[in-house]
Amino acid sequence: MESKNILLAGLPAAGKSTYVTALWAVEKDGKSGHLLSCDGLPSESSYIDGMRDNWMVLKEVRRTAFAEPQEIVLPMKSLNTGEKISLVLPDFKGEVFLRILDNVVSENIREWCGKADGILFMLNLGNASPEFFQEEMSESAKPKVEMEVVMTSNDITDAIKNVLLLKFLWGEIGDCPISICFSCWDIRDVAEGLTAEQWVKENHPCIYNFIAEHFTDYRYFGISAQGADYQGLDEEHEDDLAEKTTRKERAFVYTDKKSFDITEPIDYILS
């Protein structure tokens, strides 16, 4: 069975672990009818099973705590071609990617960049935000004498952090297939009829322009891996989400329409 290595990348709290947990929860039994579904059980699944247990009962998936990436290996089958693959996804801590912006690059990252067949890039950014620096100093607040300025990743906005991370990955991997996924889509303010790509172009032009200039094969997705914000859920909403979980209609993706097939971002990379 051929292995397909997809680099799951993103800054802290981008939704990487939650997405891969929802993927396992929805596709585990192989009966989803989605573009990709599990074709048997992996040899080892204790790590992702633990996260799945939380997801099933509407508890937030814990963020990755391990220093080393946890490689998730899933036997998958394509609905359209019948091809069977071994899908390999690394669950890196977001801080590992954040440190890249301060020129601290782990060997595990370099190793994965060397073998990746594509990138699943996760972001957690809302509607339009400052594009460059966290704060603009007033004239009166600026220093009156010349001084050396040392900038770190803490001094720039999340949008630019993501562009710099994309620049690093592009430099290491090159022009490869990439799915750009904005998490927490269920709480985004998106005008009716607006596609995910149009939303990114309007709200995060620096990210949109970088992708368009450096990647040939790309697609934008909105993703809700949880299906809802768990905070303040009443019993009625909990019951509704439980029913959606049973029907495999809780987690969803969005391009130009809503779809419950959360394998679409991965299938796009592999197709």
Protein backbone atom coordinates (compact mmCIF):
# COMPACT_ATOMS: atom_id res chain seq x y z
CA MET A 1 0.00 0.00 0.00
CA GLU A 2 1.46 3.34 -1.06
CA SER A 3 2.06 5.92 1.66
CA LYS A 4 0.89 9.50 1.15
CA ASN A 5 2.54 12.02 3.45
CA ILE A 6 0.60 15.20 4.08
CA LEU A 7 2.21 17.84 6.26
CA LEU A 8 -0.41 19.12 8.72
CA ALA A 9 0.88 22.61 9.50
CA GLY A 10 -0.31 25.60 11.47
CA LEU A 11 0.42 27.90 14.39
CA PRO A 12 -0.79 27.20 17.97
CA ALA A 13 -4.59 26.82 18.30
CA ALA A 14 -5.06 26.62 14.52
CA GLY A 15 -7.26 23.53 14.85
CA LYS A 16 -4.85 20.84 13.63
CA SER A 17 -5.52 18.24 16.32
CA THR A 18 -9.26 18.90 16.30
CA TYR A 19 -9.47 18.39 12.55
CA VAL A 20 -7.56 15.12 12.50
CA THR A 21 -9.63 13.90 15.47
CA ALA A 22 -12.89 14.67 13.67
CA LEU A 23 -11.49 12.93 10.58
CA TRP A 24 -10.86 9.77 12.59
CA ALA A 25 -14.20 9.94 14.39
CA VAL A 26 -16.20 10.33 11.18
CA GLU A 27 -14.26 8.00 8.90
CA LYS A 28 -13.22 5.24 11.33
CA ASP A 29 -16.00 2.78 10.45
CA GLY A 30 -15.45 3.17 6.70
CA LYS A 31 -19.18 3.75 6.08
CA SER A 32 -19.30 7.49 5.46
CA GLY A 33 -19.50 7.33 1.67
CA HIS A 34 -17.07 10.26 1.55
CA LEU A 35 -14.31 10.84 -0.98
CA LEU A 36 -11.95 9.07 1.40
CA SER A 37 -12.83 6.66 4.19
CA CYS A 38 -10.94 4.26 6.41
CA ASP A 39 -10.20 0.86 4.95
CA GLY A 40 -9.54 -1.10 8.11
CA LEU A 41 -7.96 -0.06 11.38
CA PRO A 42 -4.40 1.23 11.88
CA SER A 43 -1.92 -0.87 13.81
CA GLU A 44 -1.73 1.81 16.50
CA SER A 45 -4.48 4.29 17.37
CA SER A 46 -4.32 4.89 21.13
CA TYR A 47 -3.20 8.52 20.70
CA ILE A 48 -6.01 9.51 18.35
CA ASP A 49 -8.56 7.31 20.11
CA GLY A 50 -8.04 9.33 23.27
CA MET A 51 -8.79 12.56 21.43
CA ARG A 52 -11.76 10.97 19.67
CA ASP A 53 -13.31 10.07 23.04
CA ASN A 54 -13.43 13.77 23.95
CA TRP A 55 -14.76 14.80 20.54
CA MET A 56 -17.62 12.31 20.71
CA VAL A 57 -18.92 13.74 24.00
CA LEU A 58 -18.54 17.41 23.00
CA LYS A 59 -15.36 18.09 24.93
CA GLU A 60 -12.59 20.17 23.41
CA VAL A 61 -9.77 18.12 21.96
CA ARG A 62 -6.64 18.70 23.99
CA ARG A 63 -3.80 20.46 22.23
CA THR A 64 -0.76 18.40 21.36
CA ALA A 65 1.58 18.29 24.36
CA PHE A 66 4.30 15.99 23.05
CA ALA A 67 7.68 17.46 22.11
CA GLU A 68 7.97 15.02 19.19
CA PRO A 69 5.27 14.90 16.49
CA GLN A 70 2.72 12.12 16.81
CA GLU A 71 2.45 10.45 13.42
CA ILE A 72 -1.09 9.37 12.60
CA VAL A 73 -1.25 6.59 10.02
CA LEU A 74 -4.66 5.72 8.57
CA PRO A 75 -5.45 3.11 5.91
CA MET A 76 -7.75 4.91 3.48
CA LYS A 77 -9.65 4.10 0.31
CA SER A 78 -10.70 6.48 -2.45
CA LEU A 79 -14.40 6.47 -3.32
CA ASN A 80 -13.80 7.52 -6.92
CA THR A 81 -10.82 5.35 -7.87
CA GLY A 82 -10.89 2.53 -5.32
CA GLU A 83 -7.19 3.19 -4.66
CA LYS A 84 -5.98 2.18 -1.22
CA ILE A 85 -3.37 4.33 0.50
CA SER A 86 -1.69 4.71 3.84
CA LEU A 87 -2.38 8.30 4.85
CA VAL A 88 0.32 9.72 7.13
CA LEU A 89 -0.28 12.97 9.04
CA PRO A 90 2.07 14.40 11.69
CA ASP A 91 0.46 16.12 14.69
CA PHE A 92 3.10 18.73 15.56
CA LYS A 93 2.76 21.18 18.42
CA GLY A 94 1.86 24.58 17.02
CA GLU A 95 4.79 26.05 18.96
CA VAL A 96 7.17 24.06 16.74
CA PHE A 97 5.88 26.04 13.75
CA LEU A 98 5.89 29.31 15.71
CA ARG A 99 9.58 28.89 16.55
CA ILE A 100 10.37 28.73 12.84
CA LEU A 101 9.52 32.44 12.67
CA ASP A 102 12.36 33.07 15.15
CA ASN A 103 14.73 30.92 13.04
CA VAL A 104 14.53 27.84 15.24
CA VAL A 105 13.76 24.92 12.94
CA SER A 106 13.51 21.36 14.27
CA GLU A 107 15.01 18.45 12.38
CA ASN A 108 11.60 16.77 12.42
CA ILE A 109 10.16 19.69 10.45
CA ARG A 110 12.95 19.53 7.88
CA GLU A 111 12.53 15.77 7.57
CA TRP A 112 8.81 16.13 6.98
CA CYS A 113 9.28 18.91 4.45
CA GLY A 114 11.57 16.59 2.55
CA LYS A 115 8.95 13.87 2.14
CA ALA A 116 5.63 15.75 2.06
CA ASP A 117 3.33 15.13 -0.91
CA GLY A 118 1.32 18.22 -0.03
CA ILE A 119 0.37 20.63 2.75
CA LEU A 120 -2.79 20.83 4.83
CA PHE A 121 -2.41 24.33 6.24
CA MET A 122 -4.65 25.27 9.16
CA LEU A 123 -5.42 28.82 10.32
CA ASN A 124 -7.67 30.27 13.00
CA LEU A 125 -8.24 33.84 11.84
CA GLY A 126 -11.51 35.73 11.96
CA ASN A 127 -12.72 38.60 9.82
CA ALA A 128 -10.42 41.41 8.71
CA SER A 129 -7.63 42.14 11.18
CA PRO A 130 -4.45 44.27 11.16
CA GLU A 131 -2.16 42.95 8.45
CA PHE A 132 1.28 43.92 9.71
CA PHE A 133 2.28 45.05 13.20
CA GLN A 134 0.39 44.39 16.40
CA GLU A 135 0.25 48.10 17.27
CA GLU A 136 1.14 51.34 15.57
CA MET A 137 3.03 53.68 17.91
CA SER A 138 1.90 57.29 18.07
CA GLU A 139 4.50 59.93 17.21
CA SER A 140 4.80 60.91 20.87
CA ALA A 141 5.42 57.32 21.91
CA LYS A 142 8.24 56.74 19.45
CA PRO A 143 11.77 56.83 20.89
CA LYS A 144 13.53 60.17 20.47
CA VAL A 145 16.97 58.61 19.96
CA GLU A 146 18.09 56.04 17.45
CA MET A 147 18.21 52.53 18.84
CA GLU A 148 18.57 49.03 17.53
CA VAL A 149 15.20 47.32 17.14
CA VAL A 150 15.06 43.55 17.53
CA MET A 151 11.79 42.10 16.30
CA THR A 152 10.42 38.69 17.20
CA SER A 153 7.30 36.79 16.20
CA ASN A 154 5.49 38.50 19.08
CA ASP A 155 5.69 41.84 17.27
CA ILE A 156 3.72 40.89 14.16
CA THR A 157 0.10 40.01 13.55
CA ASP A 158 -1.20 36.48 13.17
CA ALA A 159 -1.85 37.11 9.47
CA ILE A 160 1.82 37.91 8.82
CA LYS A 161 2.96 35.04 11.02
CA ASN A 162 1.01 32.71 8.75
CA VAL A 163 2.51 34.28 5.61
CA LEU A 164 6.02 33.85 7.01
CA LEU A 165 5.30 30.23 7.88
CA LEU A 166 3.91 29.63 4.38
CA LYS A 167 7.04 31.25 2.94
CA PHE A 168 9.24 28.86 4.92
CA LEU A 169 7.25 25.80 3.83
CA TRP A 170 7.28 26.93 0.21
CA GLY A 171 11.05 27.39 0.40
CA GLU A 172 11.53 23.89 1.83
CA ILE A 173 8.95 21.95 -0.18
CA GLY A 174 8.40 24.05 -3.28
CA ASP A 175 5.23 24.41 -5.31
CA CYS A 176 3.13 21.52 -4.05
CA PRO A 177 -0.63 20.93 -3.68
CA ILE A 178 -1.98 22.82 -0.68
CA SER A 179 -5.34 23.05 1.07
CA ILE A 180 -5.68 26.26 3.11
CA CYS A 181 -8.21 25.66 5.86
CA PHE A 182 -9.74 28.30 8.11
CA SER A 183 -11.03 26.65 11.28
CA CYS A 184 -14.04 27.56 13.46
CA TRP A 185 -16.06 28.30 10.32
CA ASP A 186 -19.31 27.81 12.25
CA ILE A 187 -18.72 31.12 14.06
CA ARG A 188 -17.37 33.14 11.11
CA ASP A 189 -19.34 36.09 9.78
CA VAL A 190 -19.59 35.13 6.10
CA ALA A 191 -21.98 36.90 3.74
CA GLU A 192 -24.47 34.66 1.98
CA GLY A 193 -23.19 33.42 -1.36
CA LEU A 194 -19.56 34.29 -0.61
CA THR A 195 -17.10 31.47 -1.29
CA ALA A 196 -14.31 30.59 1.12
CA GLU A 197 -11.76 31.93 -1.37
CA GLN A 198 -13.62 35.23 -1.78
CA TRP A 199 -13.84 35.57 2.02
CA VAL A 200 -10.08 35.12 2.35
CA LYS A 201 -9.41 37.60 -0.47
CA GLU A 202 -11.58 40.23 1.25
CA ASN A 203 -10.44 39.65 4.82
CA HIS A 204 -6.83 38.44 4.53
CA PRO A 205 -5.39 39.77 1.26
CA CYS A 206 -1.77 39.26 2.32
CA ILE A 207 -2.38 35.52 2.72
CA TYR A 208 -4.44 35.35 -0.46
CA ASN A 209 -1.81 37.16 -2.53
CA PHE A 210 1.07 35.06 -1.23
CA ILE A 211 -0.72 31.83 -2.05
CA ALA A 212 -1.67 33.03 -5.54
CA GLU A 213 1.91 34.08 -6.30
CA HIS A 214 3.68 30.97 -4.99
CA PHE A 215 1.37 27.97 -5.37
CA THR A 216 -0.23 26.52 -8.49
CA ASP A 217 -2.56 23.91 -7.00
CA TYR A 218 -4.45 25.38 -4.06
CA ARG A 219 -7.94 25.49 -2.65
CA TYR A 220 -9.49 27.34 0.27
CA PHE A 221 -11.76 25.64 2.79
CA GLY A 222 -13.69 26.77 5.79
CA ILE A 223 -13.70 24.01 8.41
CA SER A 224 -15.74 23.36 11.52
CA ALA A 225 -14.24 20.25 13.08
CA GLN A 226 -16.26 20.62 16.30
CA GLY A 227 -19.50 21.53 14.52
CA ALA A 228 -20.31 24.23 17.07
CA ASP A 229 -18.91 26.29 19.91
CA TYR A 230 -19.21 24.06 23.00
CA GLN A 231 -19.37 26.99 25.43
CA GLY A 232 -22.81 27.53 26.95
CA LEU A 233 -24.57 24.67 25.17
CA ASP A 234 -27.94 23.84 26.65
CA GLU A 235 -29.40 20.32 26.73
CA GLU A 236 -31.39 20.83 23.54
CA HIS A 237 -28.32 21.86 21.56
CA GLU A 238 -26.28 19.01 23.04
CA ASP A 239 -28.93 16.53 21.92
CA ASP A 240 -28.96 18.10 18.47
CA LEU A 241 -25.19 17.77 18.16
CA ALA A 242 -25.34 14.18 19.39
CA GLU A 243 -27.82 13.35 16.62
CA LYS A 244 -25.62 15.09 14.06
CA THR A 245 -22.65 13.07 15.31
CA THR A 246 -24.57 9.84 14.73
CA ARG A 247 -25.52 10.95 11.21
CA LYS A 248 -21.95 12.13 10.50
CA GLU A 249 -23.31 15.63 9.94
CA ARG A 250 -21.62 17.53 12.75
CA ALA A 251 -18.20 18.43 11.36
CA PHE A 252 -18.27 20.17 8.00
CA VAL A 253 -16.23 21.97 5.36
CA TYR A 254 -17.16 24.91 3.17
CA THR A 255 -15.90 26.00 -0.27
CA ASP A 256 -18.83 27.47 -2.17
CA LYS A 257 -21.30 25.33 -0.25
CA LYS A 258 -21.46 23.38 2.99
CA SER A 259 -20.37 19.74 2.88
CA PHE A 260 -20.17 17.13 5.61
CA ASP A 261 -17.33 15.38 3.77
CA ILE A 262 -14.38 16.58 5.83
CA THR A 263 -11.99 14.53 3.70
CA GLU A 264 -12.32 17.06 0.85
CA PRO A 265 -9.18 19.06 1.81
CA ILE A 266 -7.10 15.87 1.86
CA ASP A 267 -8.64 14.47 -1.31
CA TYR A 268 -7.86 17.72 -3.11
CA ILE A 269 -4.16 17.35 -2.25
CA LEU A 270 -4.09 13.72 -3.40
CA SER A 271 -6.08 14.20 -6.60
